[in-house]
C-alpha cells in the first residue's frame, strides 16, 4: 500500500505529462506481449518445416503439400509452389504473384509495429515537454519569491521537472529495443522467403526446360 501511495504521489508530482507517459508504458507492454504472441502463432521462429519442404521439392520427392499451413514460411512455400505449378501464370506474372504473397506475409508480420514506433518517438518528447513546463513553473515561483528564495524549494521544483524526461526515456528505450527486435524477425523471415522463392523458381524452370 505504501508503494502504491508513493507511486501515486510521484505521478501527481510529475503532472499530466507523467500520467501520459505512464499510460504509454502500459500500452508499450501490451503491444510487446501481443506482438510476441502473434509472431508465435504464425511461427516466426519456426522455419524448419518450410526449409524441409523446399528441399524435398527441389529433390523431386513430390511431397504432399499441407492443406492449411499455419506458419508464415510454410504457407508462403505452399502458395508459391501452387503458383509455379498451376500453369495459369506466365513466368513474369508468376514472379509478380509470388512477390505479392511475400509482401502480404511481411505486412502481417509487421502489423502493430507502427504504434510501437510512434511511442518510441513521442515518449521522450512528452517527457521533455513536461520538463520544460516544470522548469517554467519553478522559475516563476523563484521570481515571485523575490529575495526570500529557498534553494531547497527551487531544487525540488527542478527535480520534479526532470522526472518526466527520465520517465519518457525509460519508456522509449525498451520500445525502441522491442521495435528493432521485431524488425529483425521480419527481416529474417523475408530473407528466408526470398531464398525459398528463388530455389522453387529455379527448380520449376528446370522442370519446364526438361519437359
N, C-alpha and C. Protein backbone atom coordinates (compact mmCIF):
# COMPACT_ATOMS: atom_id res chain seq x y z
N UNK A 1 0.84 -1.21 0.00
CA UNK A 1 0.00 0.00 0.00
C UNK A 1 0.87 1.25 0.00
N UNK A 2 1.96 1.19 0.79
CA UNK A 2 2.87 2.34 0.83
C UNK A 2 3.51 2.59 -0.53
N UNK A 3 3.86 1.49 -1.23
CA UNK A 3 4.46 1.64 -2.55
C UNK A 3 3.48 2.27 -3.53
N UNK A 4 2.22 1.82 -3.47
CA UNK A 4 1.21 2.38 -4.35
C UNK A 4 0.98 3.85 -4.06
N UNK A 5 0.98 4.20 -2.76
CA UNK A 5 0.79 5.60 -2.39
C UNK A 5 1.96 6.45 -2.89
N UNK A 6 3.17 5.91 -2.74
CA UNK A 6 4.35 6.63 -3.21
C UNK A 6 4.33 6.81 -4.72
N UNK A 7 3.89 5.76 -5.42
CA UNK A 7 3.82 5.83 -6.88
C UNK A 7 2.79 6.86 -7.32
N UNK A 8 1.63 6.86 -6.65
CA UNK A 8 0.60 7.85 -6.98
C UNK A 8 1.09 9.26 -6.69
N UNK A 9 1.83 9.41 -5.60
CA UNK A 9 2.38 10.73 -5.30
C UNK A 9 3.39 11.17 -6.32
N UNK A 10 4.18 10.22 -6.80
CA UNK A 10 5.17 10.53 -7.84
C UNK A 10 4.49 10.98 -9.12
N UNK A 11 3.41 10.30 -9.49
CA UNK A 11 2.66 10.69 -10.67
C UNK A 11 2.05 12.08 -10.50
N UNK A 12 1.56 12.35 -9.30
CA UNK A 12 0.96 13.67 -9.05
C UNK A 12 2.01 14.77 -9.16
N UNK A 13 3.21 14.50 -8.70
CA UNK A 13 4.27 15.49 -8.82
C UNK A 13 4.67 15.74 -10.27
N UNK A 14 4.67 14.69 -11.05
CA UNK A 14 5.06 14.83 -12.45
C UNK A 14 4.04 15.54 -13.31
N UNK A 15 2.80 15.58 -12.87
CA UNK A 15 1.77 16.28 -13.61
C UNK A 15 1.21 15.46 -14.76
N UNK A 16 0.44 16.09 -15.65
CA UNK A 16 -0.21 15.38 -16.76
C UNK A 16 0.78 14.65 -17.68
N UNK A 17 1.96 15.23 -17.88
CA UNK A 17 2.94 14.60 -18.77
C UNK A 17 3.35 13.23 -18.23
N UNK A 18 3.55 13.14 -16.93
CA UNK A 18 3.96 11.87 -16.34
C UNK A 18 2.83 10.85 -16.38
N UNK A 19 1.61 11.31 -16.19
CA UNK A 19 0.46 10.41 -16.32
C UNK A 19 0.37 9.86 -17.75
N UNK A 20 0.59 10.71 -18.72
CA UNK A 20 0.54 10.26 -20.11
C UNK A 20 1.66 9.27 -20.41
N UNK A 21 2.85 9.53 -19.87
CA UNK A 21 3.96 8.60 -20.08
C UNK A 21 3.67 7.27 -19.41
N UNK A 22 3.06 7.29 -18.22
CA UNK A 22 2.69 6.05 -17.56
C UNK A 22 1.70 5.25 -18.40
N UNK A 23 0.75 5.95 -19.03
CA UNK A 23 -0.19 5.28 -19.93
C UNK A 23 0.52 4.68 -21.12
N UNK A 24 1.50 5.39 -21.67
CA UNK A 24 2.27 4.88 -22.80
C UNK A 24 3.08 3.65 -22.40
N UNK A 25 3.57 3.62 -21.16
CA UNK A 25 4.33 2.45 -20.72
C UNK A 25 3.45 1.21 -20.66
N UNK A 26 2.22 1.37 -20.19
CA UNK A 26 1.29 0.24 -20.15
C UNK A 26 0.95 -0.21 -21.57
N UNK A 27 0.73 0.75 -22.45
CA UNK A 27 0.42 0.44 -23.85
C UNK A 27 1.60 -0.27 -24.52
N UNK A 28 2.82 0.17 -24.21
CA UNK A 28 4.01 -0.46 -24.78
C UNK A 28 4.11 -1.92 -24.36
N UNK A 29 3.91 -2.18 -23.07
CA UNK A 29 3.96 -3.55 -22.58
C UNK A 29 2.90 -4.42 -23.25
N UNK A 30 1.69 -3.87 -23.39
CA UNK A 30 0.61 -4.63 -24.04
C UNK A 30 0.94 -4.93 -25.49
N UNK A 31 1.50 -3.95 -26.21
CA UNK A 31 1.86 -4.15 -27.62
C UNK A 31 2.95 -5.20 -27.77
N UNK A 32 3.95 -5.15 -26.89
CA UNK A 32 5.05 -6.11 -26.99
C UNK A 32 4.55 -7.53 -26.74
N UNK A 33 3.75 -7.71 -25.69
CA UNK A 33 3.22 -9.04 -25.38
C UNK A 33 2.32 -9.54 -26.51
N UNK A 34 1.48 -8.65 -27.04
CA UNK A 34 0.59 -9.04 -28.14
C UNK A 34 1.40 -9.44 -29.38
N UNK A 35 2.46 -8.67 -29.66
CA UNK A 35 3.25 -8.95 -30.85
C UNK A 35 4.00 -10.27 -30.72
N UNK A 36 4.55 -10.55 -29.54
CA UNK A 36 5.23 -11.83 -29.33
C UNK A 36 4.25 -12.98 -29.51
N UNK A 37 3.05 -12.81 -29.00
CA UNK A 37 2.01 -13.84 -29.15
C UNK A 37 1.65 -14.06 -30.60
N UNK A 38 1.48 -12.96 -31.35
CA UNK A 38 1.13 -13.07 -32.76
C UNK A 38 2.25 -13.72 -33.57
N UNK A 39 3.48 -13.35 -33.32
CA UNK A 39 4.61 -13.95 -34.03
C UNK A 39 4.74 -15.43 -33.71
N UNK A 40 4.44 -15.78 -32.48
CA UNK A 40 4.49 -17.20 -32.11
C UNK A 40 3.42 -17.99 -32.85
N UNK A 41 2.23 -17.39 -33.01
CA UNK A 41 1.14 -18.08 -33.70
C UNK A 41 1.49 -18.38 -35.16
N UNK A 42 2.15 -17.44 -35.81
CA UNK A 42 2.47 -17.62 -37.24
C UNK A 42 3.82 -18.29 -37.45
N UNK A 43 4.44 -18.74 -36.37
CA UNK A 43 5.70 -19.48 -36.49
C UNK A 43 6.86 -18.66 -37.01
N UNK A 44 6.98 -17.42 -36.52
CA UNK A 44 8.07 -16.56 -37.00
C UNK A 44 9.44 -17.11 -36.64
N UNK A 45 9.51 -17.94 -35.60
CA UNK A 45 10.79 -18.51 -35.18
C UNK A 45 10.90 -19.99 -35.58
N UNK A 46 9.96 -20.46 -36.39
CA UNK A 46 9.96 -21.89 -36.77
C UNK A 46 10.03 -21.99 -38.29
N UNK A 47 11.23 -22.17 -38.81
CA UNK A 47 11.38 -22.27 -40.26
C UNK A 47 11.82 -23.63 -40.75
N UNK A 48 11.90 -24.60 -39.84
CA UNK A 48 12.40 -25.91 -40.22
C UNK A 48 11.52 -26.66 -41.19
N UNK A 49 10.21 -26.61 -40.99
CA UNK A 49 9.30 -27.36 -41.87
C UNK A 49 9.29 -26.78 -43.27
N UNK A 50 9.34 -25.46 -43.38
CA UNK A 50 9.37 -24.84 -44.71
C UNK A 50 10.65 -25.19 -45.44
N UNK A 51 11.77 -25.15 -44.74
CA UNK A 51 13.05 -25.50 -45.35
C UNK A 51 13.05 -26.96 -45.79
N UNK A 52 12.50 -27.83 -44.98
CA UNK A 52 12.45 -29.25 -45.34
C UNK A 52 11.56 -29.47 -46.56
N UNK A 53 10.45 -28.73 -46.64
CA UNK A 53 9.55 -28.88 -47.78
C UNK A 53 10.22 -28.42 -49.07
N UNK A 54 10.91 -27.29 -49.01
CA UNK A 54 11.61 -26.79 -50.20
C UNK A 54 12.70 -27.77 -50.64
N UNK A 55 13.42 -28.32 -49.69
CA UNK A 55 14.47 -29.27 -50.02
C UNK A 55 13.90 -30.52 -50.68
N UNK A 56 12.77 -30.98 -50.19
CA UNK A 56 12.15 -32.18 -50.78
C UNK A 56 11.59 -31.88 -52.17
N UNK A 57 11.02 -30.70 -52.37
CA UNK A 57 10.53 -30.34 -53.69
C UNK A 57 11.68 -30.26 -54.69
N UNK A 58 12.76 -29.62 -54.28
CA UNK A 58 13.92 -29.47 -55.17
C UNK A 58 14.62 -30.79 -55.44
N UNK A 59 14.40 -31.76 -54.55
CA UNK A 59 14.97 -33.09 -54.75
C UNK A 59 14.04 -34.01 -55.54
N UNK A 60 12.94 -33.43 -56.06
CA UNK A 60 11.96 -34.19 -56.85
C UNK A 60 11.35 -35.35 -56.07
N UNK A 61 11.11 -35.13 -54.78
CA UNK A 61 10.50 -36.18 -53.98
C UNK A 61 8.97 -36.11 -53.99
N UNK A 62 8.42 -35.06 -54.62
CA UNK A 62 6.97 -34.88 -54.74
C UNK A 62 6.26 -35.02 -53.40
N UNK A 63 6.61 -34.18 -52.43
CA UNK A 63 5.97 -34.29 -51.12
C UNK A 63 4.53 -33.80 -51.16
N UNK A 64 3.73 -34.30 -50.24
CA UNK A 64 2.35 -33.83 -50.12
C UNK A 64 2.36 -32.45 -49.47
N UNK A 65 1.75 -31.49 -50.15
CA UNK A 65 1.73 -30.13 -49.63
C UNK A 65 0.67 -30.01 -48.53
N UNK A 66 0.97 -29.32 -47.45
CA UNK A 66 -0.03 -29.13 -46.39
C UNK A 66 -1.20 -28.32 -46.90
N UNK A 67 -2.42 -28.69 -46.47
CA UNK A 67 -3.61 -28.01 -46.98
C UNK A 67 -3.79 -26.63 -46.36
N UNK A 68 -3.65 -26.53 -45.06
CA UNK A 68 -3.84 -25.25 -44.39
C UNK A 68 -2.67 -24.97 -43.45
N UNK A 69 -1.52 -24.64 -44.01
CA UNK A 69 -0.36 -24.37 -43.16
C UNK A 69 -0.57 -23.12 -42.32
N UNK A 70 -0.18 -23.18 -41.06
CA UNK A 70 -0.36 -22.05 -40.16
C UNK A 70 0.86 -21.15 -40.08
N UNK A 71 2.05 -21.71 -40.28
CA UNK A 71 3.24 -20.89 -40.17
C UNK A 71 3.46 -20.09 -41.44
N UNK A 72 4.04 -18.91 -41.28
CA UNK A 72 4.12 -17.97 -42.39
C UNK A 72 5.03 -18.49 -43.50
N UNK A 73 6.16 -19.09 -43.16
CA UNK A 73 7.06 -19.60 -44.19
C UNK A 73 6.44 -20.78 -44.93
N UNK A 74 5.84 -21.70 -44.20
CA UNK A 74 5.25 -22.87 -44.83
C UNK A 74 4.09 -22.48 -45.73
N UNK A 75 3.30 -21.52 -45.30
CA UNK A 75 2.19 -21.06 -46.14
C UNK A 75 2.72 -20.40 -47.40
N UNK A 76 3.79 -19.63 -47.27
CA UNK A 76 4.37 -18.97 -48.44
C UNK A 76 4.93 -19.99 -49.43
N UNK A 77 5.65 -20.99 -48.93
CA UNK A 77 6.21 -22.02 -49.80
C UNK A 77 5.10 -22.78 -50.52
N UNK A 78 4.07 -23.14 -49.80
CA UNK A 78 2.96 -23.89 -50.40
C UNK A 78 2.26 -23.06 -51.48
N UNK A 79 1.94 -21.82 -51.15
CA UNK A 79 1.25 -20.96 -52.13
C UNK A 79 2.14 -20.68 -53.34
N UNK A 80 3.42 -20.46 -53.11
CA UNK A 80 4.32 -20.17 -54.23
C UNK A 80 4.46 -21.36 -55.15
N UNK A 81 4.54 -22.55 -54.58
CA UNK A 81 4.67 -23.75 -55.41
C UNK A 81 3.40 -24.00 -56.21
N UNK A 82 2.25 -23.70 -55.61
CA UNK A 82 0.99 -23.80 -56.36
C UNK A 82 0.99 -22.85 -57.55
N UNK A 83 1.49 -21.63 -57.33
CA UNK A 83 1.55 -20.65 -58.42
C UNK A 83 2.46 -21.15 -59.54
N UNK A 84 3.61 -21.68 -59.18
CA UNK A 84 4.58 -22.14 -60.18
C UNK A 84 4.11 -23.38 -60.93
N UNK A 85 3.31 -24.23 -60.27
CA UNK A 85 2.88 -25.48 -60.87
C UNK A 85 1.50 -25.40 -61.53
N UNK A 86 0.78 -24.32 -61.28
CA UNK A 86 -0.59 -24.25 -61.80
C UNK A 86 -0.64 -24.11 -63.31
N UNK A 87 0.37 -23.47 -63.89
CA UNK A 87 0.36 -23.22 -65.33
C UNK A 87 -0.54 -22.07 -65.73
N UNK A 88 -1.15 -21.40 -64.74
CA UNK A 88 -2.05 -20.29 -65.04
C UNK A 88 -1.31 -18.97 -65.17
N UNK A 89 -0.02 -18.96 -64.86
CA UNK A 89 0.75 -17.72 -64.87
C UNK A 89 1.93 -17.86 -65.81
N UNK A 90 2.16 -16.78 -66.59
CA UNK A 90 3.40 -16.68 -67.34
C UNK A 90 4.54 -16.46 -66.36
N UNK A 91 5.79 -16.70 -66.77
CA UNK A 91 6.91 -16.55 -65.82
C UNK A 91 6.94 -15.20 -65.11
N UNK A 92 6.76 -14.11 -65.86
CA UNK A 92 6.78 -12.79 -65.22
C UNK A 92 5.60 -12.62 -64.28
N UNK A 93 4.43 -13.08 -64.68
CA UNK A 93 3.24 -12.97 -63.83
C UNK A 93 3.38 -13.83 -62.58
N UNK A 94 4.00 -15.00 -62.71
CA UNK A 94 4.22 -15.86 -61.55
C UNK A 94 5.16 -15.18 -60.56
N UNK A 95 6.18 -14.52 -61.09
CA UNK A 95 7.11 -13.81 -60.21
C UNK A 95 6.40 -12.68 -59.47
N UNK A 96 5.53 -11.96 -60.18
CA UNK A 96 4.78 -10.88 -59.54
C UNK A 96 3.82 -11.43 -58.48
N UNK A 97 3.19 -12.54 -58.76
CA UNK A 97 2.27 -13.13 -57.80
C UNK A 97 3.00 -13.61 -56.55
N UNK A 98 4.16 -14.21 -56.72
CA UNK A 98 4.94 -14.65 -55.56
C UNK A 98 5.42 -13.45 -54.75
N UNK A 99 5.79 -12.37 -55.42
CA UNK A 99 6.16 -11.14 -54.72
C UNK A 99 4.99 -10.60 -53.91
N UNK A 100 3.80 -10.67 -54.49
CA UNK A 100 2.60 -10.21 -53.77
C UNK A 100 2.36 -11.06 -52.53
N UNK A 101 2.54 -12.37 -52.65
CA UNK A 101 2.35 -13.25 -51.50
C UNK A 101 3.36 -12.92 -50.39
N UNK A 102 4.59 -12.65 -50.79
CA UNK A 102 5.62 -12.31 -49.81
C UNK A 102 5.30 -10.99 -49.12
N UNK A 103 4.86 -10.01 -49.88
CA UNK A 103 4.53 -8.72 -49.30
C UNK A 103 3.36 -8.83 -48.34
N UNK A 104 2.39 -9.65 -48.67
CA UNK A 104 1.25 -9.85 -47.77
C UNK A 104 1.69 -10.51 -46.46
N UNK A 105 2.58 -11.49 -46.56
CA UNK A 105 3.07 -12.16 -45.36
C UNK A 105 3.89 -11.20 -44.50
N UNK A 106 4.72 -10.39 -45.12
CA UNK A 106 5.53 -9.44 -44.36
C UNK A 106 4.68 -8.36 -43.73
N UNK A 107 3.62 -7.94 -44.40
CA UNK A 107 2.71 -6.95 -43.81
C UNK A 107 2.06 -7.52 -42.55
N UNK A 108 1.74 -8.80 -42.58
CA UNK A 108 1.19 -9.44 -41.39
C UNK A 108 2.20 -9.48 -40.25
N UNK A 109 3.45 -9.76 -40.59
CA UNK A 109 4.50 -9.81 -39.57
C UNK A 109 4.77 -8.44 -38.96
N UNK A 110 4.65 -7.40 -39.77
CA UNK A 110 4.96 -6.05 -39.29
C UNK A 110 3.75 -5.33 -38.73
N UNK A 111 2.62 -5.99 -38.68
CA UNK A 111 1.43 -5.36 -38.12
C UNK A 111 1.63 -5.01 -36.65
N UNK A 112 1.23 -3.82 -36.27
CA UNK A 112 1.37 -3.38 -34.89
C UNK A 112 2.68 -2.70 -34.57
N UNK A 113 3.61 -2.64 -35.52
CA UNK A 113 4.90 -2.02 -35.25
C UNK A 113 4.84 -0.49 -35.34
N UNK A 114 3.93 0.03 -36.13
CA UNK A 114 3.84 1.48 -36.26
C UNK A 114 3.46 2.16 -34.93
N UNK A 115 2.47 1.63 -34.17
CA UNK A 115 2.21 2.25 -32.86
C UNK A 115 3.41 2.19 -31.93
N UNK A 116 4.15 1.09 -31.97
CA UNK A 116 5.33 0.98 -31.12
C UNK A 116 6.39 2.00 -31.53
N UNK A 117 6.53 2.20 -32.82
CA UNK A 117 7.47 3.20 -33.32
C UNK A 117 7.05 4.60 -32.88
N UNK A 118 5.74 4.86 -32.92
CA UNK A 118 5.23 6.16 -32.50
C UNK A 118 5.50 6.41 -31.02
N UNK A 119 5.30 5.38 -30.20
CA UNK A 119 5.56 5.53 -28.76
C UNK A 119 7.04 5.82 -28.52
N UNK A 120 7.91 5.09 -29.22
CA UNK A 120 9.34 5.31 -29.05
C UNK A 120 9.76 6.72 -29.45
N UNK A 121 8.99 7.33 -30.35
CA UNK A 121 9.32 8.68 -30.81
C UNK A 121 8.77 9.75 -29.89
N UNK A 122 7.51 9.59 -29.46
CA UNK A 122 6.86 10.68 -28.73
C UNK A 122 7.09 10.64 -27.22
N UNK A 123 7.43 9.48 -26.66
CA UNK A 123 7.60 9.41 -25.21
C UNK A 123 8.69 10.36 -24.71
N UNK A 124 9.89 10.40 -25.34
CA UNK A 124 10.89 11.38 -24.88
C UNK A 124 10.45 12.82 -25.09
N UNK A 125 9.69 13.06 -26.17
CA UNK A 125 9.23 14.43 -26.44
C UNK A 125 8.23 14.87 -25.39
N UNK A 126 7.34 13.97 -24.99
CA UNK A 126 6.39 14.31 -23.93
C UNK A 126 7.13 14.56 -22.62
N UNK A 127 8.15 13.72 -22.34
CA UNK A 127 8.94 13.94 -21.14
C UNK A 127 9.66 15.27 -21.17
N UNK A 128 10.21 15.63 -22.33
CA UNK A 128 10.90 16.91 -22.46
C UNK A 128 9.93 18.08 -22.29
N UNK A 129 8.74 17.93 -22.85
CA UNK A 129 7.73 18.97 -22.70
C UNK A 129 7.36 19.16 -21.23
N UNK A 130 7.18 18.04 -20.52
CA UNK A 130 6.88 18.14 -19.10
C UNK A 130 8.00 18.81 -18.33
N UNK A 131 9.25 18.52 -18.71
CA UNK A 131 10.39 19.16 -18.04
C UNK A 131 10.41 20.66 -18.30
N UNK A 132 10.17 21.06 -19.53
CA UNK A 132 10.17 22.49 -19.86
C UNK A 132 9.08 23.22 -19.09
N UNK A 133 7.89 22.63 -19.06
CA UNK A 133 6.79 23.26 -18.33
C UNK A 133 7.10 23.33 -16.83
N UNK A 134 7.70 22.26 -16.30
CA UNK A 134 8.07 22.26 -14.89
C UNK A 134 9.13 23.30 -14.57
N UNK A 135 10.11 23.46 -15.46
CA UNK A 135 11.14 24.46 -15.24
C UNK A 135 10.55 25.87 -15.30
N UNK A 136 9.63 26.08 -16.21
CA UNK A 136 8.97 27.39 -16.28
C UNK A 136 8.25 27.69 -14.97
N UNK A 137 7.55 26.69 -14.46
CA UNK A 137 6.83 26.87 -13.20
C UNK A 137 7.79 27.14 -12.05
N UNK A 138 8.91 26.40 -12.03
CA UNK A 138 9.89 26.58 -10.95
C UNK A 138 10.49 27.97 -10.98
N UNK A 139 10.83 28.48 -12.17
CA UNK A 139 11.43 29.80 -12.25
C UNK A 139 10.40 30.91 -12.03
N UNK A 140 9.15 30.63 -12.33
CA UNK A 140 8.11 31.61 -11.99
C UNK A 140 7.98 31.73 -10.47
N UNK A 141 8.04 30.56 -9.79
CA UNK A 141 8.00 30.59 -8.33
C UNK A 141 9.22 31.31 -7.77
N UNK A 142 10.38 31.11 -8.42
CA UNK A 142 11.59 31.80 -7.99
C UNK A 142 11.44 33.31 -8.14
N UNK A 143 10.83 33.75 -9.23
CA UNK A 143 10.64 35.17 -9.47
C UNK A 143 9.67 35.76 -8.46
N UNK A 144 8.59 35.02 -8.15
CA UNK A 144 7.59 35.52 -7.22
C UNK A 144 8.13 35.62 -5.80
N UNK A 145 9.05 34.73 -5.46
CA UNK A 145 9.57 34.75 -4.10
C UNK A 145 10.54 35.89 -3.85
N UNK A 146 11.10 36.44 -4.89
CA UNK A 146 11.99 37.59 -4.76
C UNK A 146 13.23 37.28 -3.97
N UNK A 147 13.51 38.10 -2.96
CA UNK A 147 14.74 37.95 -2.18
C UNK A 147 14.67 36.79 -1.20
N UNK A 148 13.49 36.30 -0.91
CA UNK A 148 13.32 35.23 0.06
C UNK A 148 13.34 33.86 -0.61
N UNK A 149 14.22 33.67 -1.53
CA UNK A 149 14.31 32.44 -2.28
C UNK A 149 14.85 31.31 -1.43
N UNK A 150 14.18 30.16 -1.48
CA UNK A 150 14.63 28.97 -0.78
C UNK A 150 15.25 28.03 -1.81
N UNK A 151 16.54 27.79 -1.69
CA UNK A 151 17.24 26.95 -2.67
C UNK A 151 16.69 25.54 -2.67
N UNK A 152 16.27 25.05 -1.51
CA UNK A 152 15.70 23.70 -1.44
C UNK A 152 14.41 23.58 -2.22
N UNK A 153 13.56 24.60 -2.13
CA UNK A 153 12.31 24.58 -2.90
C UNK A 153 12.59 24.62 -4.38
N UNK A 154 13.56 25.45 -4.78
CA UNK A 154 13.91 25.53 -6.20
C UNK A 154 14.46 24.21 -6.70
N UNK A 155 15.33 23.58 -5.90
CA UNK A 155 15.89 22.29 -6.30
C UNK A 155 14.80 21.23 -6.41
N UNK A 156 13.85 21.27 -5.49
CA UNK A 156 12.74 20.33 -5.56
C UNK A 156 11.91 20.51 -6.80
N UNK A 157 11.68 21.76 -7.21
CA UNK A 157 10.92 22.02 -8.42
C UNK A 157 11.65 21.53 -9.66
N UNK A 158 12.96 21.74 -9.70
CA UNK A 158 13.75 21.27 -10.84
C UNK A 158 13.77 19.74 -10.87
N UNK A 159 13.89 19.11 -9.72
CA UNK A 159 13.88 17.64 -9.65
C UNK A 159 12.58 17.08 -10.19
N UNK A 160 11.47 17.68 -9.79
CA UNK A 160 10.18 17.21 -10.29
C UNK A 160 10.06 17.43 -11.79
N UNK A 161 10.62 18.52 -12.28
CA UNK A 161 10.55 18.80 -13.72
C UNK A 161 11.35 17.78 -14.52
N UNK A 162 12.54 17.42 -14.01
CA UNK A 162 13.39 16.46 -14.73
C UNK A 162 12.83 15.04 -14.67
N UNK A 163 11.92 14.80 -13.76
CA UNK A 163 11.36 13.46 -13.62
C UNK A 163 10.67 13.00 -14.89
N UNK A 164 9.98 13.88 -15.58
CA UNK A 164 9.24 13.49 -16.79
C UNK A 164 10.19 13.11 -17.93
N UNK A 165 11.33 13.80 -18.02
CA UNK A 165 12.30 13.44 -19.06
C UNK A 165 12.85 12.04 -18.82
N UNK A 166 13.18 11.74 -17.57
CA UNK A 166 13.69 10.41 -17.25
C UNK A 166 12.63 9.34 -17.53
N UNK A 167 11.38 9.63 -17.19
CA UNK A 167 10.31 8.66 -17.43
C UNK A 167 10.10 8.44 -18.92
N UNK A 168 10.15 9.52 -19.71
CA UNK A 168 9.98 9.38 -21.15
C UNK A 168 11.06 8.53 -21.78
N UNK A 169 12.30 8.71 -21.34
CA UNK A 169 13.40 7.90 -21.86
C UNK A 169 13.26 6.45 -21.40
N UNK A 170 12.78 6.26 -20.17
CA UNK A 170 12.61 4.90 -19.66
C UNK A 170 11.57 4.12 -20.45
N UNK A 171 10.61 4.81 -21.04
CA UNK A 171 9.61 4.14 -21.88
C UNK A 171 10.15 3.97 -23.30
N UNK A 172 10.83 4.99 -23.83
CA UNK A 172 11.27 4.97 -25.22
C UNK A 172 12.35 3.93 -25.47
N UNK A 173 13.26 3.73 -24.51
CA UNK A 173 14.37 2.80 -24.73
C UNK A 173 13.88 1.36 -24.91
N UNK A 174 13.04 0.82 -24.00
CA UNK A 174 12.54 -0.55 -24.23
C UNK A 174 11.69 -0.65 -25.50
N UNK A 175 10.90 0.40 -25.80
CA UNK A 175 10.08 0.37 -27.01
C UNK A 175 10.96 0.30 -28.25
N UNK A 176 12.06 1.04 -28.26
CA UNK A 176 12.98 1.02 -29.39
C UNK A 176 13.66 -0.33 -29.54
N UNK A 177 14.06 -0.92 -28.40
CA UNK A 177 14.69 -2.24 -28.44
C UNK A 177 13.72 -3.28 -28.98
N UNK A 178 12.48 -3.26 -28.48
CA UNK A 178 11.47 -4.21 -28.95
C UNK A 178 11.19 -4.02 -30.44
N UNK A 179 11.09 -2.76 -30.87
CA UNK A 179 10.85 -2.48 -32.28
C UNK A 179 11.96 -3.02 -33.16
N UNK A 180 13.21 -2.81 -32.74
CA UNK A 180 14.35 -3.32 -33.50
C UNK A 180 14.33 -4.84 -33.55
N UNK A 181 13.97 -5.47 -32.46
CA UNK A 181 13.91 -6.94 -32.41
C UNK A 181 12.85 -7.46 -33.37
N UNK A 182 11.66 -6.89 -33.33
CA UNK A 182 10.58 -7.34 -34.22
C UNK A 182 10.94 -7.11 -35.68
N UNK A 183 11.60 -6.00 -35.97
CA UNK A 183 12.03 -5.73 -37.34
C UNK A 183 13.06 -6.77 -37.79
N UNK A 184 13.95 -7.17 -36.89
CA UNK A 184 14.95 -8.18 -37.26
C UNK A 184 14.29 -9.53 -37.52
N UNK A 185 13.24 -9.85 -36.76
CA UNK A 185 12.49 -11.09 -37.01
C UNK A 185 11.86 -11.05 -38.39
N UNK A 186 11.23 -9.92 -38.73
CA UNK A 186 10.61 -9.79 -40.05
C UNK A 186 11.64 -9.87 -41.16
N UNK A 187 12.82 -9.27 -40.95
CA UNK A 187 13.88 -9.33 -41.97
C UNK A 187 14.37 -10.76 -42.16
N UNK A 188 14.49 -11.52 -41.06
CA UNK A 188 14.91 -12.91 -41.17
C UNK A 188 13.91 -13.72 -41.99
N UNK A 189 12.62 -13.52 -41.72
CA UNK A 189 11.58 -14.22 -42.48
C UNK A 189 11.63 -13.80 -43.94
N UNK A 190 11.86 -12.51 -44.20
CA UNK A 190 11.94 -12.04 -45.59
C UNK A 190 13.09 -12.70 -46.34
N UNK A 191 14.24 -12.78 -45.70
CA UNK A 191 15.39 -13.43 -46.35
C UNK A 191 15.09 -14.92 -46.63
N UNK A 192 14.44 -15.58 -45.68
CA UNK A 192 14.09 -16.98 -45.90
C UNK A 192 13.13 -17.15 -47.06
N UNK A 193 12.13 -16.28 -47.14
CA UNK A 193 11.16 -16.37 -48.23
C UNK A 193 11.82 -16.08 -49.58
N UNK A 194 12.73 -15.13 -49.61
CA UNK A 194 13.45 -14.87 -50.86
C UNK A 194 14.24 -16.09 -51.29
N UNK A 195 14.89 -16.72 -50.34
CA UNK A 195 15.67 -17.92 -50.65
C UNK A 195 14.76 -19.05 -51.14
N UNK A 196 13.65 -19.26 -50.44
CA UNK A 196 12.71 -20.32 -50.85
C UNK A 196 12.15 -20.06 -52.24
N UNK A 197 11.74 -18.81 -52.48
CA UNK A 197 11.14 -18.48 -53.77
C UNK A 197 12.14 -18.68 -54.91
N UNK A 198 13.38 -18.27 -54.70
CA UNK A 198 14.40 -18.43 -55.73
C UNK A 198 14.65 -19.90 -56.04
N UNK A 199 14.79 -20.71 -55.01
CA UNK A 199 15.04 -22.14 -55.23
C UNK A 199 13.87 -22.82 -55.91
N UNK A 200 12.65 -22.46 -55.53
CA UNK A 200 11.47 -23.07 -56.16
C UNK A 200 11.36 -22.64 -57.62
N UNK A 201 11.63 -21.36 -57.89
CA UNK A 201 11.54 -20.87 -59.27
C UNK A 201 12.58 -21.54 -60.16
N UNK A 202 13.79 -21.70 -59.64
CA UNK A 202 14.83 -22.37 -60.42
C UNK A 202 14.45 -23.83 -60.70
N UNK A 203 13.92 -24.48 -59.69
CA UNK A 203 13.52 -25.88 -59.87
C UNK A 203 12.36 -26.01 -60.86
N UNK A 204 11.39 -25.09 -60.76
CA UNK A 204 10.27 -25.14 -61.70
C UNK A 204 10.74 -24.86 -63.12
N UNK A 205 11.70 -23.96 -63.28
CA UNK A 205 12.22 -23.64 -64.62
C UNK A 205 12.97 -24.84 -65.19
N UNK A 206 13.71 -25.55 -64.35
CA UNK A 206 14.40 -26.75 -64.82
C UNK A 206 13.41 -27.80 -65.29
N UNK A 207 12.34 -27.96 -64.49
CA UNK A 207 11.32 -28.94 -64.88
C UNK A 207 10.66 -28.58 -66.19
N UNK A 208 10.40 -27.28 -66.40
CA UNK A 208 9.80 -26.84 -67.66
C UNK A 208 10.75 -27.07 -68.83
N UNK A 209 12.03 -26.77 -68.57
CA UNK A 209 13.02 -26.96 -69.65
C UNK A 209 13.18 -28.42 -70.01
N UNK A 210 13.13 -29.27 -68.98
CA UNK A 210 13.25 -30.72 -69.26
C UNK A 210 12.07 -31.24 -70.01
N UNK A 211 10.89 -30.65 -69.66
CA UNK A 211 9.69 -31.10 -70.36
C UNK A 211 9.74 -30.64 -71.81
